[in-house]
Amino acid sequence: MQYHHTGVVTDQKQPNEMYVEATKVWITDPDAHPCRIEYLRYEPDTPVEPSLQNRCHTAYTVDDLNQAISGKQVVIGPFDAFPGVRVVFTEENGALIEYIEFTEKSGIS
């Protein structure tokens, strides 16, 4: 498991946003931010529960998504954010944690 980014919720459009259809959220590339921040801007009809929409999260890359979430409380997913990028969000000790598995070259890192 390796730290990937911190997700911060915003209601302001950000430069170079990418759309994640599965959760109806616009995100930025954490590689483009000096502190590895990913901004998230939810669409009004997002399927993500309102109680989770205003929470920041910490994200980690893992080699095996199923193994990483074994025994954990899953709150969103797993789902394919982009081709080759599978993610899941868990609730752990009061924190929202995202696990990311890169299954193939996606152009997203």
N, C-alpha and C. Protein backbone atom coordinates (compact mmCIF):
# COMPACT_ATOMS: atom_id res chain seq x y z
N MET A 1 0.85 -1.17 0.00
CA MET A 1 0.00 0.00 0.00
C MET A 1 0.90 1.23 0.00
N GLN A 2 0.57 2.19 -0.87
CA GLN A 2 1.36 3.40 -0.97
C GLN A 2 0.43 4.61 -1.06
N TYR A 3 0.77 5.68 -0.33
CA TYR A 3 -0.02 6.91 -0.37
C TYR A 3 -0.12 7.41 -1.81
N HIS A 4 -1.33 7.83 -2.20
CA HIS A 4 -1.55 8.35 -3.55
C HIS A 4 -1.99 9.81 -3.55
N HIS A 5 -3.01 10.15 -2.75
CA HIS A 5 -3.49 11.53 -2.72
C HIS A 5 -4.43 11.77 -1.54
N THR A 6 -4.75 13.04 -1.34
CA THR A 6 -5.80 13.44 -0.41
C THR A 6 -6.91 14.07 -1.24
N GLY A 7 -8.13 13.59 -1.04
CA GLY A 7 -9.28 14.12 -1.77
C GLY A 7 -9.96 15.22 -0.97
N VAL A 8 -10.17 16.36 -1.62
CA VAL A 8 -10.79 17.51 -0.99
C VAL A 8 -12.02 17.91 -1.79
N VAL A 9 -13.16 18.02 -1.12
CA VAL A 9 -14.42 18.36 -1.77
C VAL A 9 -14.50 19.86 -2.01
N THR A 10 -14.99 20.23 -3.17
CA THR A 10 -15.20 21.63 -3.53
C THR A 10 -16.49 21.78 -4.31
N ASP A 11 -17.01 22.99 -4.33
CA ASP A 11 -18.17 23.27 -5.19
C ASP A 11 -17.76 24.20 -6.34
N GLN A 12 -16.47 24.47 -6.45
CA GLN A 12 -15.93 25.34 -7.49
C GLN A 12 -15.30 24.51 -8.61
N LYS A 13 -15.64 24.86 -9.85
CA LYS A 13 -15.04 24.18 -11.00
C LYS A 13 -13.53 24.39 -10.96
N GLN A 14 -12.79 23.31 -11.25
CA GLN A 14 -11.33 23.33 -11.23
C GLN A 14 -10.78 23.16 -12.64
N PRO A 15 -9.60 23.68 -12.92
CA PRO A 15 -8.98 23.46 -14.24
C PRO A 15 -8.72 21.97 -14.48
N ASN A 16 -8.92 21.55 -15.70
CA ASN A 16 -8.59 20.19 -16.16
C ASN A 16 -9.31 19.08 -15.40
N GLU A 17 -10.55 19.31 -15.03
CA GLU A 17 -11.33 18.27 -14.34
C GLU A 17 -11.60 17.10 -15.28
N MET A 18 -11.71 15.91 -14.69
CA MET A 18 -12.09 14.69 -15.40
C MET A 18 -13.38 14.19 -14.77
N TYR A 19 -14.26 13.60 -15.58
CA TYR A 19 -15.56 13.15 -15.09
C TYR A 19 -15.54 11.65 -14.81
N VAL A 20 -16.00 11.27 -13.62
CA VAL A 20 -16.14 9.86 -13.24
C VAL A 20 -17.62 9.53 -13.31
N GLU A 21 -18.00 8.83 -14.36
CA GLU A 21 -19.41 8.52 -14.62
C GLU A 21 -20.05 7.71 -13.49
N ALA A 22 -19.34 6.73 -12.95
CA ALA A 22 -19.91 5.83 -11.95
C ALA A 22 -20.41 6.56 -10.71
N THR A 23 -19.75 7.64 -10.34
CA THR A 23 -20.15 8.39 -9.13
C THR A 23 -20.62 9.80 -9.43
N LYS A 24 -20.63 10.17 -10.70
CA LYS A 24 -21.06 11.50 -11.14
C LYS A 24 -20.35 12.60 -10.36
N VAL A 25 -19.03 12.54 -10.47
CA VAL A 25 -18.17 13.51 -9.79
C VAL A 25 -17.07 13.95 -10.73
N TRP A 26 -16.74 15.22 -10.66
CA TRP A 26 -15.61 15.78 -11.40
C TRP A 26 -14.40 15.75 -10.48
N ILE A 27 -13.26 15.28 -10.98
CA ILE A 27 -12.05 15.21 -10.16
C ILE A 27 -10.87 15.85 -10.90
N THR A 28 -9.86 16.22 -10.12
CA THR A 28 -8.62 16.71 -10.72
C THR A 28 -7.54 15.65 -10.54
N ASP A 29 -6.46 15.81 -11.27
CA ASP A 29 -5.34 14.87 -11.21
C ASP A 29 -4.41 15.27 -10.07
N PRO A 30 -4.27 14.43 -9.04
CA PRO A 30 -3.38 14.78 -7.94
C PRO A 30 -1.92 14.94 -8.35
N ASP A 31 -1.52 14.34 -9.47
CA ASP A 31 -0.15 14.52 -9.96
C ASP A 31 0.12 15.97 -10.35
N ALA A 32 -0.94 16.72 -10.64
CA ALA A 32 -0.79 18.11 -11.07
C ALA A 32 -0.74 19.08 -9.89
N HIS A 33 -0.92 18.59 -8.68
CA HIS A 33 -0.93 19.44 -7.50
C HIS A 33 0.34 19.17 -6.67
N PRO A 34 1.03 20.21 -6.21
CA PRO A 34 2.29 19.99 -5.48
C PRO A 34 2.13 19.19 -4.18
N CYS A 35 0.93 19.19 -3.60
CA CYS A 35 0.69 18.44 -2.36
C CYS A 35 -0.15 17.19 -2.59
N ARG A 36 -0.30 16.79 -3.86
CA ARG A 36 -1.08 15.60 -4.26
C ARG A 36 -2.53 15.69 -3.78
N ILE A 37 -3.14 16.85 -4.00
CA ILE A 37 -4.55 17.06 -3.69
C ILE A 37 -5.38 16.72 -4.92
N GLU A 38 -6.45 15.98 -4.71
CA GLU A 38 -7.45 15.70 -5.75
C GLU A 38 -8.72 16.44 -5.32
N TYR A 39 -9.17 17.37 -6.16
CA TYR A 39 -10.42 18.07 -5.87
C TYR A 39 -11.58 17.28 -6.45
N LEU A 40 -12.68 17.19 -5.69
CA LEU A 40 -13.88 16.48 -6.11
C LEU A 40 -15.06 17.46 -6.11
N ARG A 41 -15.80 17.46 -7.21
CA ARG A 41 -17.00 18.30 -7.32
C ARG A 41 -18.15 17.42 -7.80
N TYR A 42 -19.09 17.16 -6.90
CA TYR A 42 -20.19 16.23 -7.18
C TYR A 42 -21.30 16.88 -7.99
N GLU A 43 -21.88 16.12 -8.91
CA GLU A 43 -23.09 16.52 -9.63
C GLU A 43 -24.27 16.40 -8.66
N PRO A 44 -25.32 17.20 -8.85
CA PRO A 44 -26.48 17.13 -7.95
C PRO A 44 -27.12 15.73 -7.88
N ASP A 45 -27.04 14.96 -8.96
CA ASP A 45 -27.68 13.63 -8.97
C ASP A 45 -26.69 12.49 -8.74
N THR A 46 -25.58 12.78 -8.06
CA THR A 46 -24.61 11.74 -7.75
C THR A 46 -25.26 10.62 -6.92
N PRO A 47 -24.87 9.37 -7.16
CA PRO A 47 -25.37 8.29 -6.33
C PRO A 47 -24.66 8.18 -4.97
N VAL A 48 -23.63 8.99 -4.76
CA VAL A 48 -22.88 8.96 -3.50
C VAL A 48 -23.76 9.55 -2.39
N GLU A 49 -23.86 8.83 -1.29
CA GLU A 49 -24.70 9.27 -0.17
C GLU A 49 -24.30 10.68 0.28
N PRO A 50 -25.30 11.51 0.58
CA PRO A 50 -25.01 12.87 1.04
C PRO A 50 -24.05 12.93 2.23
N SER A 51 -24.13 11.95 3.13
CA SER A 51 -23.25 11.95 4.30
C SER A 51 -21.78 11.77 3.93
N LEU A 52 -21.50 11.27 2.73
CA LEU A 52 -20.12 11.06 2.30
C LEU A 52 -19.63 12.16 1.36
N GLN A 53 -20.54 12.91 0.78
CA GLN A 53 -20.17 13.90 -0.24
C GLN A 53 -19.34 15.05 0.30
N ASN A 54 -19.44 15.37 1.56
CA ASN A 54 -18.72 16.51 2.12
C ASN A 54 -17.47 16.11 2.89
N ARG A 55 -17.05 14.87 2.76
CA ARG A 55 -15.90 14.38 3.53
C ARG A 55 -14.67 14.27 2.66
N CYS A 56 -13.55 14.69 3.21
CA CYS A 56 -12.26 14.49 2.55
C CYS A 56 -11.88 13.02 2.71
N HIS A 57 -10.93 12.57 1.90
CA HIS A 57 -10.47 11.19 2.02
C HIS A 57 -8.97 11.12 1.75
N THR A 58 -8.38 10.03 2.18
CA THR A 58 -6.99 9.71 1.88
C THR A 58 -7.00 8.48 0.99
N ALA A 59 -6.16 8.50 -0.05
CA ALA A 59 -6.16 7.41 -1.02
C ALA A 59 -4.80 6.72 -1.06
N TYR A 60 -4.86 5.40 -1.25
CA TYR A 60 -3.67 4.56 -1.35
C TYR A 60 -3.78 3.67 -2.57
N THR A 61 -2.66 3.41 -3.22
CA THR A 61 -2.65 2.41 -4.28
C THR A 61 -2.32 1.06 -3.66
N VAL A 62 -2.94 0.03 -4.21
CA VAL A 62 -2.72 -1.33 -3.73
C VAL A 62 -2.54 -2.26 -4.93
N ASP A 63 -1.90 -3.38 -4.69
CA ASP A 63 -1.73 -4.37 -5.75
C ASP A 63 -2.97 -5.23 -5.94
N ASP A 64 -3.71 -5.46 -4.85
CA ASP A 64 -4.88 -6.34 -4.89
C ASP A 64 -6.01 -5.67 -4.11
N LEU A 65 -6.97 -5.10 -4.83
CA LEU A 65 -8.07 -4.38 -4.21
C LEU A 65 -8.88 -5.27 -3.27
N ASN A 66 -9.20 -6.46 -3.71
CA ASN A 66 -10.00 -7.36 -2.87
C ASN A 66 -9.30 -7.70 -1.56
N GLN A 67 -8.02 -7.93 -1.63
CA GLN A 67 -7.26 -8.23 -0.42
C GLN A 67 -7.21 -7.00 0.49
N ALA A 68 -7.03 -5.82 -0.07
CA ALA A 68 -6.91 -4.60 0.72
C ALA A 68 -8.18 -4.28 1.50
N ILE A 69 -9.33 -4.63 0.94
CA ILE A 69 -10.60 -4.28 1.61
C ILE A 69 -11.19 -5.43 2.41
N SER A 70 -10.52 -6.56 2.42
CA SER A 70 -11.03 -7.72 3.15
C SER A 70 -11.27 -7.37 4.62
N GLY A 71 -12.49 -7.57 5.08
CA GLY A 71 -12.85 -7.32 6.47
C GLY A 71 -13.13 -5.86 6.80
N LYS A 72 -13.06 -4.98 5.81
CA LYS A 72 -13.29 -3.56 6.04
C LYS A 72 -14.73 -3.18 5.69
N GLN A 73 -15.19 -2.05 6.23
CA GLN A 73 -16.54 -1.56 5.96
C GLN A 73 -16.53 -0.74 4.66
N VAL A 74 -17.00 -1.35 3.58
CA VAL A 74 -17.05 -0.68 2.27
C VAL A 74 -18.25 0.26 2.24
N VAL A 75 -18.01 1.52 1.81
CA VAL A 75 -19.10 2.50 1.74
C VAL A 75 -19.40 2.94 0.32
N ILE A 76 -18.46 2.80 -0.61
CA ILE A 76 -18.68 3.09 -2.02
C ILE A 76 -17.86 2.11 -2.85
N GLY A 77 -18.53 1.45 -3.80
CA GLY A 77 -17.81 0.60 -4.74
C GLY A 77 -17.74 -0.84 -4.29
N PRO A 78 -16.81 -1.55 -4.90
CA PRO A 78 -15.82 -1.13 -5.87
C PRO A 78 -16.45 -0.78 -7.23
N PHE A 79 -15.75 0.09 -7.98
CA PHE A 79 -16.20 0.48 -9.31
C PHE A 79 -14.99 0.89 -10.14
N ASP A 80 -15.19 0.92 -11.46
CA ASP A 80 -14.14 1.37 -12.38
C ASP A 80 -14.28 2.87 -12.56
N ALA A 81 -13.30 3.63 -12.05
CA ALA A 81 -13.32 5.08 -12.19
C ALA A 81 -13.00 5.46 -13.64
N PHE A 82 -12.03 4.78 -14.21
CA PHE A 82 -11.61 4.94 -15.59
C PHE A 82 -11.16 3.57 -16.07
N PRO A 83 -11.02 3.36 -17.36
CA PRO A 83 -10.48 2.08 -17.81
C PRO A 83 -9.13 1.81 -17.15
N GLY A 84 -9.01 0.66 -16.51
CA GLY A 84 -7.77 0.28 -15.86
C GLY A 84 -7.59 0.83 -14.46
N VAL A 85 -8.61 1.51 -13.94
CA VAL A 85 -8.51 2.10 -12.60
C VAL A 85 -9.74 1.68 -11.79
N ARG A 86 -9.54 0.76 -10.86
CA ARG A 86 -10.62 0.25 -10.01
C ARG A 86 -10.44 0.83 -8.62
N VAL A 87 -11.54 1.34 -8.02
CA VAL A 87 -11.45 1.98 -6.71
C VAL A 87 -12.57 1.53 -5.79
N VAL A 88 -12.33 1.70 -4.51
CA VAL A 88 -13.33 1.43 -3.48
C VAL A 88 -13.04 2.37 -2.32
N PHE A 89 -14.11 2.78 -1.64
CA PHE A 89 -13.98 3.63 -0.45
C PHE A 89 -14.44 2.85 0.76
N THR A 90 -13.69 2.98 1.84
CA THR A 90 -14.03 2.32 3.09
C THR A 90 -14.11 3.35 4.21
N GLU A 91 -14.75 2.95 5.29
CA GLU A 91 -14.80 3.75 6.52
C GLU A 91 -13.91 3.03 7.51
N GLU A 92 -12.86 3.71 7.98
CA GLU A 92 -11.92 3.09 8.91
C GLU A 92 -11.60 4.04 10.05
N ASN A 93 -12.00 3.67 11.24
CA ASN A 93 -11.72 4.48 12.43
C ASN A 93 -12.16 5.93 12.24
N GLY A 94 -13.33 6.12 11.63
CA GLY A 94 -13.88 7.45 11.43
C GLY A 94 -13.35 8.18 10.22
N ALA A 95 -12.44 7.57 9.47
CA ALA A 95 -11.86 8.22 8.29
C ALA A 95 -12.36 7.54 7.02
N LEU A 96 -12.50 8.34 5.96
CA LEU A 96 -12.86 7.83 4.66
C LEU A 96 -11.56 7.53 3.90
N ILE A 97 -11.40 6.27 3.49
CA ILE A 97 -10.17 5.81 2.83
C ILE A 97 -10.53 5.28 1.45
N GLU A 98 -9.75 5.67 0.46
CA GLU A 98 -9.92 5.16 -0.90
C GLU A 98 -8.76 4.23 -1.22
N TYR A 99 -9.07 3.08 -1.81
CA TYR A 99 -8.05 2.17 -2.30
C TYR A 99 -8.16 2.13 -3.82
N ILE A 100 -7.02 2.20 -4.49
CA ILE A 100 -6.96 2.25 -5.94
C ILE A 100 -6.10 1.11 -6.44
N GLU A 101 -6.63 0.37 -7.41
CA GLU A 101 -5.87 -0.68 -8.08
C GLU A 101 -5.78 -0.33 -9.54
N PHE A 102 -4.57 -0.17 -10.06
CA PHE A 102 -4.36 0.06 -11.48
C PHE A 102 -4.24 -1.30 -12.15
N THR A 103 -5.23 -1.63 -12.96
CA THR A 103 -5.27 -2.96 -13.57
C THR A 103 -4.60 -3.00 -14.94
N GLU A 104 -4.37 -1.81 -15.53
CA GLU A 104 -3.70 -1.72 -16.83
C GLU A 104 -3.26 -0.28 -17.01
N LYS A 105 -2.52 -0.01 -18.05
CA LYS A 105 -2.12 1.36 -18.35
C LYS A 105 -3.38 2.19 -18.63
N SER A 106 -3.56 3.26 -17.88
CA SER A 106 -4.78 4.05 -18.00
C SER A 106 -4.51 5.49 -18.39
N GLY A 107 -3.27 5.94 -18.28
CA GLY A 107 -2.99 7.35 -18.50
C GLY A 107 -3.21 8.16 -17.24
N ILE A 108 -3.78 7.53 -16.21
CA ILE A 108 -4.00 8.15 -14.91
C ILE A 108 -2.98 7.52 -13.96
N SER A 109 -2.37 8.32 -13.14
CA SER A 109 -1.43 7.76 -12.16
C SER A 109 -1.77 8.31 -10.81
